[in-house]
């Protein structure tokens, strides 16, 4: 990122960017953060380079980036080594036009980062698009298919996302992007339309601030990201194509799974929870009433507490 681009970022987003770094994935630059790679943590205390704290891998959703975790990062990093990245096509990572965007490829990106950091066992927290990436990792975990070597998933916490395609209720803009008109729609998408859609999926009493909406737009539009919007949304079609594979990853998981859900979410709220209860025989469900699609932003303290409590029990 050049100095002009950096200067245009909002203060919170600029701070987030400066705390990260890059690694190479098949010639692409992938932005990531590792809480234990910083010289000091958020309290100002020096971190132990030889720390053996549990690793918590955060997997963001569509259409923004790892910045989505900024509100729960401080509390989680008090307890765990927290690692995250911007997937290909998102945030500060490369956004190539001629690239086959897929859930499987994004899962490969995370496995490459874990190999890069020499991490073998970890917990997962995922949201939205990231839920499907987590499902792919879970499937590989159950069948020992990890191409990067033996990896051990200790637990998974899933936030609002389209776990079951038959229960997913996409916004009109998502359906249009995933249609034959997708490339045209991507060109005419504006900040105003994105703001409107974001507000519609947050809870009425937990709306995003103007600064947060601006920083979401900056993440989307950084490095001309709009031009690949229609390619990223292909995950909606993939969810239908690989439904059995990804649903079985939940029903046959080899590790504990928790669902944290903002029930007011029109895309994947209470109706998704009910489908989850029907198909997945676990009772680790944490409902957040009056919270929408982004619980980690709308209710950071309850979400952090639910994650920490769940991991401590397992």
C-alpha atoms as a PDB file:
ATOM      1  CA  UNK A   1       0.000   0.000   0.000  1.00  0.00           C
ATOM      2  CA  UNK A   2       1.391   3.409  -0.908  1.00  0.00           C
ATOM      3  CA  UNK A   3       1.366   6.398   1.436  1.00  0.00           C
ATOM      4  CA  UNK A   4      -1.595   8.018  -0.332  1.00  0.00           C
ATOM      5  CA  UNK A   5      -3.753   4.927   0.112  1.00  0.00           C
ATOM      6  CA  UNK A   6      -2.771   4.615   3.753  1.00  0.00           C
ATOM      7  CA  UNK A   7      -3.570   8.245   4.479  1.00  0.00           C
ATOM      8  CA  UNK A   8      -7.089   7.781   3.103  1.00  0.00           C
ATOM      9  CA  UNK A   9      -7.945   5.003   5.540  1.00  0.00           C
ATOM     10  CA  UNK A  10     -10.088   5.652   8.613  1.00  0.00           C
ATOM     11  CA  UNK A  11      -8.250   5.790  11.935  1.00  0.00           C
ATOM     12  CA  UNK A  12      -9.410   2.399  13.205  1.00  0.00           C
ATOM     13  CA  UNK A  13      -8.739   0.733   9.873  1.00  0.00           C
ATOM     14  CA  UNK A  14      -5.330   2.373   9.592  1.00  0.00           C
ATOM     15  CA  UNK A  15      -4.373   1.093  13.039  1.00  0.00           C
ATOM     16  CA  UNK A  16      -5.582  -2.376  12.094  1.00  0.00           C
ATOM     17  CA  UNK A  17      -3.546  -2.360   8.894  1.00  0.00           C
ATOM     18  CA  UNK A  18      -0.341  -1.320  10.646  1.00  0.00           C
ATOM     19  CA  UNK A  19      -0.612  -4.210  13.104  1.00  0.00           C
ATOM     20  CA  UNK A  20      -0.436  -6.783  10.300  1.00  0.00           C
ATOM     21  CA  UNK A  21       2.001  -8.127   7.772  1.00  0.00           C
ATOM     22  CA  UNK A  22       2.086 -10.165   4.554  1.00  0.00           C
ATOM     23  CA  UNK A  23       3.041 -13.652   3.451  1.00  0.00           C
ATOM     24  CA  UNK A  24       3.275 -15.110  -0.029  1.00  0.00           C
ATOM     25  CA  UNK A  25       0.712 -17.600  -1.302  1.00  0.00           C
ATOM     26  CA  UNK A  26       1.512 -18.846  -4.804  1.00  0.00           C
ATOM     27  CA  UNK A  27       2.778 -15.434  -5.831  1.00  0.00           C
ATOM     28  CA  UNK A  28      -0.078 -13.522  -4.164  1.00  0.00           C
ATOM     29  CA  UNK A  29       0.391 -11.203  -1.189  1.00  0.00           C
ATOM     30  CA  UNK A  30      -1.883 -12.194   1.688  1.00  0.00           C
ATOM     31  CA  UNK A  31      -2.412  -9.798   4.587  1.00  0.00           C
ATOM     32  CA  UNK A  32      -2.538 -11.408   8.023  1.00  0.00           C
ATOM     33  CA  UNK A  33      -2.344 -10.675  11.719  1.00  0.00           C
ATOM     34  CA  UNK A  34      -0.815 -12.724  14.514  1.00  0.00           C
ATOM     35  CA  UNK A  35      -1.362 -11.330  18.017  1.00  0.00           C
ATOM     36  CA  UNK A  36       1.830 -12.934  19.294  1.00  0.00           C
ATOM     37  CA  UNK A  37       4.013 -11.453  16.574  1.00  0.00           C
ATOM     38  CA  UNK A  38       3.565  -7.913  17.881  1.00  0.00           C
ATOM     39  CA  UNK A  39       6.184  -6.557  20.247  1.00  0.00           C
ATOM     40  CA  UNK A  40       3.534  -5.673  22.804  1.00  0.00           C
ATOM     41  CA  UNK A  41      -0.091  -6.581  23.290  1.00  0.00           C
ATOM     42  CA  UNK A  42      -2.941  -4.114  23.686  1.00  0.00           C
ATOM     43  CA  UNK A  43      -2.288  -3.721  27.445  1.00  0.00           C
ATOM     44  CA  UNK A  44       1.288  -2.614  26.775  1.00  0.00           C
ATOM     45  CA  UNK A  45       2.820  -5.788  28.270  1.00  0.00           C
ATOM     46  CA  UNK A  46       5.587  -7.567  26.425  1.00  0.00           C
ATOM     47  CA  UNK A  47       4.553 -10.835  24.789  1.00  0.00           C
ATOM     48  CA  UNK A  48       6.505 -14.014  25.369  1.00  0.00           C
ATOM     49  CA  UNK A  49       7.922 -15.150  22.031  1.00  0.00           C
ATOM     50  CA  UNK A  50       7.860 -18.752  23.270  1.00  0.00           C
ATOM     51  CA  UNK A  51       4.181 -18.567  24.246  1.00  0.00           C
ATOM     52  CA  UNK A  52       2.301 -21.845  24.026  1.00  0.00           C
ATOM     53  CA  UNK A  53      -1.126 -20.328  24.426  1.00  0.00           C
ATOM     54  CA  UNK A  54      -3.956 -21.969  22.448  1.00  0.00           C
ATOM     55  CA  UNK A  55      -4.279 -20.660  18.905  1.00  0.00           C
ATOM     56  CA  UNK A  56      -7.553 -19.099  17.785  1.00  0.00           C
ATOM     57  CA  UNK A  57      -8.002 -18.794  14.004  1.00  0.00           C
ATOM     58  CA  UNK A  58     -10.549 -16.172  12.924  1.00  0.00           C
ATOM     59  CA  UNK A  59     -12.163 -16.512   9.471  1.00  0.00           C
ATOM     60  CA  UNK A  60     -14.010 -13.439   8.182  1.00  0.00           C
ATOM     61  CA  UNK A  61     -17.035 -13.127   5.924  1.00  0.00           C
ATOM     62  CA  UNK A  62     -18.220 -11.419   2.727  1.00  0.00           C
ATOM     63  CA  UNK A  63     -17.800  -8.648   1.653  1.00  0.00           C
ATOM     64  CA  UNK A  64     -15.274  -7.053   4.023  1.00  0.00           C
ATOM     65  CA  UNK A  65     -12.193  -8.580   5.681  1.00  0.00           C
ATOM     66  CA  UNK A  66     -10.439  -9.574   8.909  1.00  0.00           C
ATOM     67  CA  UNK A  67     -11.090  -6.059  10.254  1.00  0.00           C
ATOM     68  CA  UNK A  68     -14.549  -7.403  11.127  1.00  0.00           C
ATOM     69  CA  UNK A  69     -12.911  -8.893  14.249  1.00  0.00           C
ATOM     70  CA  UNK A  70     -11.457  -5.622  15.526  1.00  0.00           C
ATOM     71  CA  UNK A  71     -13.918  -5.246  18.415  1.00  0.00           C
ATOM     72  CA  UNK A  72     -13.335  -8.702  19.883  1.00  0.00           C
ATOM     73  CA  UNK A  73      -9.608  -8.941  19.101  1.00  0.00           C
ATOM     74  CA  UNK A  74      -8.399  -7.325  22.372  1.00  0.00           C
ATOM     75  CA  UNK A  75     -10.410  -9.591  24.685  1.00  0.00           C
ATOM     76  CA  UNK A  76      -9.617 -12.752  22.746  1.00  0.00           C
ATOM     77  CA  UNK A  77      -5.906 -11.951  22.547  1.00  0.00           C
ATOM     78  CA  UNK A  78      -5.779 -11.783  26.347  1.00  0.00           C
ATOM     79  CA  UNK A  79      -6.468 -15.514  26.402  1.00  0.00           C
ATOM     80  CA  UNK A  80      -5.213 -16.877  23.094  1.00  0.00           C
ATOM     81  CA  UNK A  81      -2.739 -16.434  20.309  1.00  0.00           C
ATOM     82  CA  UNK A  82      -5.161 -14.971  17.758  1.00  0.00           C
ATOM     83  CA  UNK A  83      -4.448 -15.345  14.042  1.00  0.00           C
ATOM     84  CA  UNK A  84      -6.430 -14.095  11.060  1.00  0.00           C
ATOM     85  CA  UNK A  85      -6.036 -13.011   7.442  1.00  0.00           C
ATOM     86  CA  UNK A  86      -7.776 -11.270   4.567  1.00  0.00           C
ATOM     87  CA  UNK A  87      -8.747 -13.953   2.084  1.00  0.00           C
ATOM     88  CA  UNK A  88      -7.827 -13.603  -1.582  1.00  0.00           C
ATOM     89  CA  UNK A  89     -10.011 -10.897  -3.084  1.00  0.00           C
ATOM     90  CA  UNK A  90     -10.758  -9.253   0.270  1.00  0.00           C
ATOM     91  CA  UNK A  91      -9.434  -6.318   2.275  1.00  0.00           C
ATOM     92  CA  UNK A  92      -5.696  -5.710   2.006  1.00  0.00           C
ATOM     93  CA  UNK A  93      -4.833  -8.988   0.264  1.00  0.00           C
ATOM     94  CA  UNK A  94      -4.331  -9.240  -3.488  1.00  0.00           C
ATOM     95  CA  UNK A  95      -7.479  -9.168  -5.631  1.00  0.00           C
ATOM     96  CA  UNK A  96      -6.530 -10.753  -8.964  1.00  0.00           C
ATOM     97  CA  UNK A  97      -9.054 -10.617 -11.796  1.00  0.00           C
ATOM     98  CA  UNK A  98      -7.952 -13.815 -13.495  1.00  0.00           C
ATOM     99  CA  UNK A  99      -8.318 -16.131 -10.523  1.00  0.00           C
ATOM    100  CA  UNK A 100     -10.648 -19.036  -9.803  1.00  0.00           C
ATOM    101  CA  UNK A 101     -12.214 -17.906  -6.536  1.00  0.00           C
ATOM    102  CA  UNK A 102     -13.500 -20.847  -4.529  1.00  0.00           C
ATOM    103  CA  UNK A 103     -14.080 -21.937  -0.956  1.00  0.00           C
ATOM    104  CA  UNK A 104     -11.541 -24.735  -1.376  1.00  0.00           C
ATOM    105  CA  UNK A 105      -8.864 -22.259  -2.486  1.00  0.00           C
ATOM    106  CA  UNK A 106      -9.573 -19.989   0.481  1.00  0.00           C
ATOM    107  CA  UNK A 107      -9.235 -23.001   2.785  1.00  0.00           C
ATOM    108  CA  UNK A 108      -5.857 -23.675   1.153  1.00  0.00           C
ATOM    109  CA  UNK A 109      -4.838 -20.087   1.944  1.00  0.00           C
ATOM    110  CA  UNK A 110      -5.542 -20.616   5.633  1.00  0.00           C
ATOM    111  CA  UNK A 111      -3.673 -23.904   5.684  1.00  0.00           C
ATOM    112  CA  UNK A 112      -0.710 -22.197   4.038  1.00  0.00           C
ATOM    113  CA  UNK A 113      -0.721 -19.526   6.751  1.00  0.00           C
ATOM    114  CA  UNK A 114      -0.830 -22.163   9.496  1.00  0.00           C
ATOM    115  CA  UNK A 115       2.135 -23.879   7.861  1.00  0.00           C
ATOM    116  CA  UNK A 116       3.912 -20.516   7.534  1.00  0.00           C
ATOM    117  CA  UNK A 117       3.451 -19.925  11.281  1.00  0.00           C
ATOM    118  CA  UNK A 118       4.219 -23.553  12.205  1.00  0.00           C
ATOM    119  CA  UNK A 119       0.815 -23.996  13.872  1.00  0.00           C
ATOM    120  CA  UNK A 120      -0.481 -27.555  14.164  1.00  0.00           C
ATOM    121  CA  UNK A 121      -3.532 -27.319  16.420  1.00  0.00           C
ATOM    122  CA  UNK A 122      -6.028 -24.494  16.746  1.00  0.00           C
ATOM    123  CA  UNK A 123      -9.586 -23.403  17.470  1.00  0.00           C
ATOM    124  CA  UNK A 124     -11.718 -21.727  14.786  1.00  0.00           C
ATOM    125  CA  UNK A 125     -14.126 -18.795  14.971  1.00  0.00           C
ATOM    126  CA  UNK A 126     -15.864 -18.063  11.662  1.00  0.00           C
ATOM    127  CA  UNK A 127     -18.534 -15.765  10.258  1.00  0.00           C
ATOM    128  CA  UNK A 128     -20.680 -15.654   7.103  1.00  0.00           C
ATOM    129  CA  UNK A 129     -18.564 -16.712   4.068  1.00  0.00           C
ATOM    130  CA  UNK A 130     -15.996 -17.824   6.627  1.00  0.00           C
ATOM    131  CA  UNK A 131     -18.448 -20.394   8.001  1.00  0.00           C
ATOM    132  CA  UNK A 132     -18.300 -22.231   4.691  1.00  0.00           C
ATOM    133  CA  UNK A 133     -14.501 -22.086   4.688  1.00  0.00           C
ATOM    134  CA  UNK A 134     -14.597 -23.531   8.218  1.00  0.00           C
ATOM    135  CA  UNK A 135     -16.927 -26.290   7.004  1.00  0.00           C
ATOM    136  CA  UNK A 136     -14.436 -27.176   4.270  1.00  0.00           C
ATOM    137  CA  UNK A 137     -11.619 -27.295   6.843  1.00  0.00           C
ATOM    138  CA  UNK A 138     -13.781 -29.463   9.104  1.00  0.00           C
ATOM    139  CA  UNK A 139     -14.430 -31.876   6.249  1.00  0.00           C
ATOM    140  CA  UNK A 140     -10.713 -32.177   5.540  1.00  0.00           C
ATOM    141  CA  UNK A 141     -10.068 -32.580   9.260  1.00  0.00           C
ATOM    142  CA  UNK A 142     -12.501 -35.498   9.515  1.00  0.00           C
ATOM    143  CA  UNK A 143     -10.927 -37.248   6.519  1.00  0.00           C
ATOM    144  CA  UNK A 144      -7.340 -36.174   7.279  1.00  0.00           C
ATOM    145  CA  UNK A 145      -7.198 -34.406   3.900  1.00  0.00           C
ATOM    146  CA  UNK A 146      -5.100 -31.402   4.916  1.00  0.00           C
ATOM    147  CA  UNK A 147      -2.559 -30.868   2.104  1.00  0.00           C
ATOM    148  CA  UNK A 148      -0.273 -28.921   4.425  1.00  0.00           C
ATOM    149  CA  UNK A 149       0.228 -31.854   6.758  1.00  0.00           C
ATOM    150  CA  UNK A 150      -1.453 -32.958   9.939  1.00  0.00           C
ATOM    151  CA  UNK A 151      -3.611 -30.227  11.475  1.00  0.00           C
ATOM    152  CA  UNK A 152      -5.800 -30.580  14.538  1.00  0.00           C
ATOM    153  CA  UNK A 153      -8.976 -28.512  14.888  1.00  0.00           C
ATOM    154  CA  UNK A 154      -9.785 -28.317  18.599  1.00  0.00           C
ATOM    155  CA  UNK A 155     -13.189 -26.606  18.355  1.00  0.00           C
ATOM    156  CA  UNK A 156     -15.275 -24.415  16.047  1.00  0.00           C
ATOM    157  CA  UNK A 157     -17.502 -21.436  16.852  1.00  0.00           C
ATOM    158  CA  UNK A 158     -19.753 -20.399  13.971  1.00  0.00           C
ATOM    159  CA  UNK A 159     -21.370 -16.972  13.781  1.00  0.00           C
ATOM    160  CA  UNK A 160     -24.206 -15.999  11.429  1.00  0.00           C
ATOM    161  CA  UNK A 161     -23.726 -17.569   8.023  1.00  0.00           C
ATOM    162  CA  UNK A 162     -25.307 -19.735   5.327  1.00  0.00           C
ATOM    163  CA  UNK A 163     -24.584 -23.135   6.827  1.00  0.00           C
ATOM    164  CA  UNK A 164     -27.477 -24.686   4.900  1.00  0.00           C
ATOM    165  CA  UNK A 165     -28.258 -23.295   1.428  1.00  0.00           C
ATOM    166  CA  UNK A 166     -31.946 -24.138   1.741  1.00  0.00           C
ATOM    167  CA  UNK A 167     -32.184 -21.803   4.761  1.00  0.00           C
ATOM    168  CA  UNK A 168     -30.059 -18.991   3.387  1.00  0.00           C
ATOM    169  CA  UNK A 169     -32.042 -15.847   2.488  1.00  0.00           C
ATOM    170  CA  UNK A 170     -29.733 -13.636   0.404  1.00  0.00           C
ATOM    171  CA  UNK A 171     -30.347  -9.953  -0.172  1.00  0.00           C
ATOM    172  CA  UNK A 172     -31.409  -8.938  -3.674  1.00  0.00           C
ATOM    173  CA  UNK A 173     -27.991  -7.421  -4.372  1.00  0.00           C
ATOM    174  CA  UNK A 174     -26.339 -10.759  -3.567  1.00  0.00           C
ATOM    175  CA  UNK A 175     -28.643 -12.657  -5.912  1.00  0.00           C
ATOM    176  CA  UNK A 176     -28.008 -10.143  -8.686  1.00  0.00           C
ATOM    177  CA  UNK A 177     -24.246 -10.373  -8.232  1.00  0.00           C
ATOM    178  CA  UNK A 178     -24.531 -14.160  -8.488  1.00  0.00           C
ATOM    179  CA  UNK A 179     -26.562 -13.940 -11.706  1.00  0.00           C
ATOM    180  CA  UNK A 180     -25.394 -13.649 -15.350  1.00  0.00           C
ATOM    181  CA  UNK A 181     -25.632  -9.881 -14.804  1.00  0.00           C
ATOM    182  CA  UNK A 182     -23.124 -10.025 -11.966  1.00  0.00           C
ATOM    183  CA  UNK A 183     -20.246  -8.260 -13.720  1.00  0.00           C
ATOM    184  CA  UNK A 184     -22.538  -5.383 -14.701  1.00  0.00           C
ATOM    185  CA  UNK A 185     -24.027  -5.098 -11.215  1.00  0.00           C
ATOM    186  CA  UNK A 186     -20.535  -5.030  -9.681  1.00  0.00           C
ATOM    187  CA  UNK A 187     -19.616  -1.979 -11.765  1.00  0.00           C
ATOM    188  CA  UNK A 188     -22.582   0.095 -10.590  1.00  0.00           C
ATOM    189  CA  UNK A 189     -22.501  -0.796  -6.904  1.00  0.00           C
ATOM    190  CA  UNK A 190     -22.016   2.355  -4.843  1.00  0.00           C
ATOM    191  CA  UNK A 191     -21.171   3.162  -1.255  1.00  0.00           C
ATOM    192  CA  UNK A 192     -24.757   4.319  -0.778  1.00  0.00           C
ATOM    193  CA  UNK A 193     -26.164   0.947  -1.851  1.00  0.00           C
ATOM    194  CA  UNK A 194     -23.678  -0.959   0.298  1.00  0.00           C
ATOM    195  CA  UNK A 195     -24.467   1.238   3.314  1.00  0.00           C
ATOM    196  CA  UNK A 196     -28.193   0.637   2.839  1.00  0.00           C
ATOM    197  CA  UNK A 197     -27.757  -3.128   2.639  1.00  0.00           C
ATOM    198  CA  UNK A 198     -25.425  -3.218   5.629  1.00  0.00           C
ATOM    199  CA  UNK A 199     -27.888  -1.263   7.770  1.00  0.00           C
ATOM    200  CA  UNK A 200     -30.664  -3.648   6.773  1.00  0.00           C
ATOM    201  CA  UNK A 201     -28.859  -6.694   8.146  1.00  0.00           C
ATOM    202  CA  UNK A 202     -27.751  -5.169  11.464  1.00  0.00           C
ATOM    203  CA  UNK A 203     -30.103  -5.123  14.450  1.00  0.00           C
ATOM    204  CA  UNK A 204     -32.269  -2.035  14.862  1.00  0.00           C
ATOM    205  CA  UNK A 205     -30.535  -1.059  18.113  1.00  0.00           C
ATOM    206  CA  UNK A 206     -27.022  -2.086  17.061  1.00  0.00           C
ATOM    207  CA  UNK A 207     -26.584  -0.216  13.793  1.00  0.00           C
ATOM    208  CA  UNK A 208     -23.106   0.401  12.334  1.00  0.00           C
ATOM    209  CA  UNK A 209     -21.650   3.878  12.824  1.00  0.00           C
ATOM    210  CA  UNK A 210     -20.886   6.145   9.879  1.00  0.00           C
ATOM    211  CA  UNK A 211     -17.184   5.500  10.458  1.00  0.00           C
ATOM    212  CA  UNK A 212     -17.703   1.735  10.387  1.00  0.00           C
ATOM    213  CA  UNK A 213     -19.672   1.974   7.148  1.00  0.00           C
ATOM    214  CA  UNK A 214     -16.936   4.123   5.633  1.00  0.00           C
ATOM    215  CA  UNK A 215     -14.242   1.638   6.649  1.00  0.00           C
ATOM    216  CA  UNK A 216     -16.262  -1.283   5.271  1.00  0.00           C
ATOM    217  CA  UNK A 217     -16.450   0.551   1.949  1.00  0.00           C
ATOM    218  CA  UNK A 218     -12.719   1.250   2.018  1.00  0.00           C
ATOM    219  CA  UNK A 219     -12.025  -2.459   2.503  1.00  0.00           C
ATOM    220  CA  UNK A 220     -14.330  -3.388  -0.359  1.00  0.00           C
ATOM    221  CA  UNK A 221     -13.020  -0.786  -2.799  1.00  0.00           C
ATOM    222  CA  UNK A 222      -9.328  -1.053  -1.877  1.00  0.00           C
ATOM    223  CA  UNK A 223      -7.239  -2.137  -4.867  1.00  0.00           C
ATOM    224  CA  UNK A 224     -10.294  -1.881  -7.135  1.00  0.00           C
ATOM    225  CA  UNK A 225     -12.049  -4.709  -5.329  1.00  0.00           C
ATOM    226  CA  UNK A 226     -15.446  -3.964  -6.899  1.00  0.00           C
ATOM    227  CA  UNK A 227     -14.314  -5.455 -10.203  1.00  0.00           C
ATOM    228  CA  UNK A 228     -14.273  -8.978  -8.685  1.00  0.00           C
ATOM    229  CA  UNK A 229     -17.385  -8.666  -6.519  1.00  0.00           C
ATOM    230  CA  UNK A 230     -19.367 -10.993  -8.779  1.00  0.00           C
ATOM    231  CA  UNK A 231     -16.601 -13.588  -8.637  1.00  0.00           C
ATOM    232  CA  UNK A 232     -16.457 -13.649  -4.845  1.00  0.00           C
ATOM    233  CA  UNK A 233     -20.212 -14.182  -4.560  1.00  0.00           C
ATOM    234  CA  UNK A 234     -19.834 -17.502  -6.379  1.00  0.00           C
ATOM    235  CA  UNK A 235     -19.786 -19.137  -2.960  1.00  0.00           C
ATOM    236  CA  UNK A 236     -23.602 -19.070  -3.038  1.00  0.00           C
ATOM    237  CA  UNK A 237     -23.595 -21.486  -5.963  1.00  0.00           C
ATOM    238  CA  UNK A 238     -20.849 -23.572  -4.370  1.00  0.00           C
ATOM    239  CA  UNK A 239     -22.909 -23.993  -1.201  1.00  0.00           C
ATOM    240  CA  UNK A 240     -25.611 -25.738  -3.235  1.00  0.00           C
ATOM    241  CA  UNK A 241     -23.174 -27.818  -5.246  1.00  0.00           C
ATOM    242  CA  UNK A 242     -21.246 -29.048  -2.201  1.00  0.00           C
ATOM    243  CA  UNK A 243     -24.127 -29.070   0.268  1.00  0.00           C
ATOM    244  CA  UNK A 244     -23.715 -32.723   1.300  1.00  0.00           C
ATOM    245  CA  UNK A 245     -19.977 -32.329   1.828  1.00  0.00           C
ATOM    246  CA  UNK A 246     -20.318 -29.222   3.980  1.00  0.00           C
ATOM    247  CA  UNK A 247     -23.402 -30.275   5.948  1.00  0.00           C
ATOM    248  CA  UNK A 248     -21.764 -33.604   6.753  1.00  0.00           C
ATOM    249  CA  UNK A 249     -18.779 -31.655   8.080  1.00  0.00           C
ATOM    250  CA  UNK A 250     -21.104 -30.477  10.868  1.00  0.00           C
ATOM    251  CA  UNK A 251     -23.005 -33.697  11.444  1.00  0.00           C
ATOM    252  CA  UNK A 252     -19.801 -35.780  11.522  1.00  0.00           C
ATOM    253  CA  UNK A 253     -17.422 -33.273  13.100  1.00  0.00           C
ATOM    254  CA  UNK A 254     -14.532 -34.659  15.127  1.00  0.00           C
ATOM    255  CA  UNK A 255     -14.458 -31.643  17.455  1.00  0.00           C
ATOM    256  CA  UNK A 256     -16.953 -29.594  19.518  1.00  0.00           C
ATOM    257  CA  UNK A 257     -19.026 -27.030  17.598  1.00  0.00           C
ATOM    258  CA  UNK A 258     -20.761 -23.922  18.900  1.00  0.00           C
ATOM    259  CA  UNK A 259     -23.292 -21.730  17.106  1.00  0.00           C
ATOM    260  CA  UNK A 260     -23.453 -18.024  18.048  1.00  0.00           C
ATOM    261  CA  UNK A 261     -26.336 -16.347  16.263  1.00  0.00           C
ATOM    262  CA  UNK A 262     -27.792 -12.867  16.047  1.00  0.00           C
ATOM    263  CA  UNK A 263     -31.402 -13.961  15.715  1.00  0.00           C
ATOM    264  CA  UNK A 264     -32.629 -10.688  14.134  1.00  0.00           C
ATOM    265  CA  UNK A 265     -30.489 -11.301  11.043  1.00  0.00           C
ATOM    266  CA  UNK A 266     -32.775 -11.485   7.961  1.00  0.00           C
ATOM    267  CA  UNK A 267     -30.186 -13.541   6.037  1.00  0.00           C
ATOM    268  CA  UNK A 268     -29.213 -16.254   8.512  1.00  0.00           C
ATOM    269  CA  UNK A 269     -30.876 -15.509  11.834  1.00  0.00           C
ATOM    270  CA  UNK A 270     -33.379 -17.526  13.873  1.00  0.00           C
ATOM    271  CA  UNK A 271     -34.540 -19.520  10.843  1.00  0.00           C
ATOM    272  CA  UNK A 272     -30.957 -20.764  10.364  1.00  0.00           C
ATOM    273  CA  UNK A 273     -30.751 -21.714  14.046  1.00  0.00           C
ATOM    274  CA  UNK A 274     -33.903 -23.822  13.758  1.00  0.00           C
ATOM    275  CA  UNK A 275     -32.480 -25.639  10.742  1.00  0.00           C
ATOM    276  CA  UNK A 276     -29.248 -26.194  12.656  1.00  0.00           C
ATOM    277  CA  UNK A 277     -31.193 -27.696  15.572  1.00  0.00           C
ATOM    278  CA  UNK A 278     -32.949 -30.065  13.162  1.00  0.00           C
ATOM    279  CA  UNK A 279     -29.836 -31.312  11.387  1.00  0.00           C
ATOM    280  CA  UNK A 280     -26.999 -31.096  13.919  1.00  0.00           C
ATOM    281  CA  UNK A 281     -27.284 -33.037  17.171  1.00  0.00           C
ATOM    282  CA  UNK A 282     -25.538 -30.577  19.484  1.00  0.00           C
ATOM    283  CA  UNK A 283     -26.915 -28.085  21.969  1.00  0.00           C
ATOM    284  CA  UNK A 284     -24.071 -25.547  22.022  1.00  0.00           C
ATOM    285  CA  UNK A 285     -26.233 -22.718  20.707  1.00  0.00           C
ATOM    286  CA  UNK A 286     -25.884 -19.135  21.939  1.00  0.00           C
ATOM    287  CA  UNK A 287     -28.707 -16.884  20.743  1.00  0.00           C
ATOM    288  CA  UNK A 288     -28.315 -13.099  20.753  1.00  0.00           C
ATOM    289  CA  UNK A 289     -31.748 -11.481  20.666  1.00  0.00           C
ATOM    290  CA  UNK A 290     -32.218  -8.261  18.649  1.00  0.00           C
ATOM    291  CA  UNK A 291     -28.739  -8.676  17.122  1.00  0.00           C
ATOM    292  CA  UNK A 292     -28.281  -8.941  13.377  1.00  0.00           C
ATOM    293  CA  UNK A 293     -25.822 -10.459  10.926  1.00  0.00           C
ATOM    294  CA  UNK A 294     -22.599  -9.112  12.483  1.00  0.00           C
ATOM    295  CA  UNK A 295     -22.723 -10.214  16.156  1.00  0.00           C
ATOM    296  CA  UNK A 296     -18.977  -9.691  16.632  1.00  0.00           C
ATOM    297  CA  UNK A 297     -19.488  -5.995  15.799  1.00  0.00           C
ATOM    298  CA  UNK A 298     -22.953  -5.506  17.280  1.00  0.00           C
ATOM    299  CA  UNK A 299     -22.441  -7.366  20.579  1.00  0.00           C
ATOM    300  CA  UNK A 300     -18.670  -7.828  21.000  1.00  0.00           C
ATOM    301  CA  UNK A 301     -18.631  -8.521  24.741  1.00  0.00           C
ATOM    302  CA  UNK A 302     -21.274 -11.311  24.726  1.00  0.00           C
ATOM    303  CA  UNK A 303     -19.643 -12.858  21.658  1.00  0.00           C
ATOM    304  CA  UNK A 304     -16.153 -12.793  23.198  1.00  0.00           C
ATOM    305  CA  UNK A 305     -17.471 -14.258  26.454  1.00  0.00           C
ATOM    306  CA  UNK A 306     -19.330 -17.028  24.628  1.00  0.00           C
ATOM    307  CA  UNK A 307     -16.204 -17.986  22.658  1.00  0.00           C
ATOM    308  CA  UNK A 308     -13.938 -17.988  25.715  1.00  0.00           C
ATOM    309  CA  UNK A 309     -16.410 -19.955  27.828  1.00  0.00           C
ATOM    310  CA  UNK A 310     -16.901 -22.539  25.080  1.00  0.00           C
ATOM    311  CA  UNK A 311     -13.185 -23.073  24.514  1.00  0.00           C
ATOM    312  CA  UNK A 312     -12.492 -23.318  28.230  1.00  0.00           C
ATOM    313  CA  UNK A 313     -15.062 -26.104  28.527  1.00  0.00           C
ATOM    314  CA  UNK A 314     -13.358 -28.070  25.762  1.00  0.00           C
END
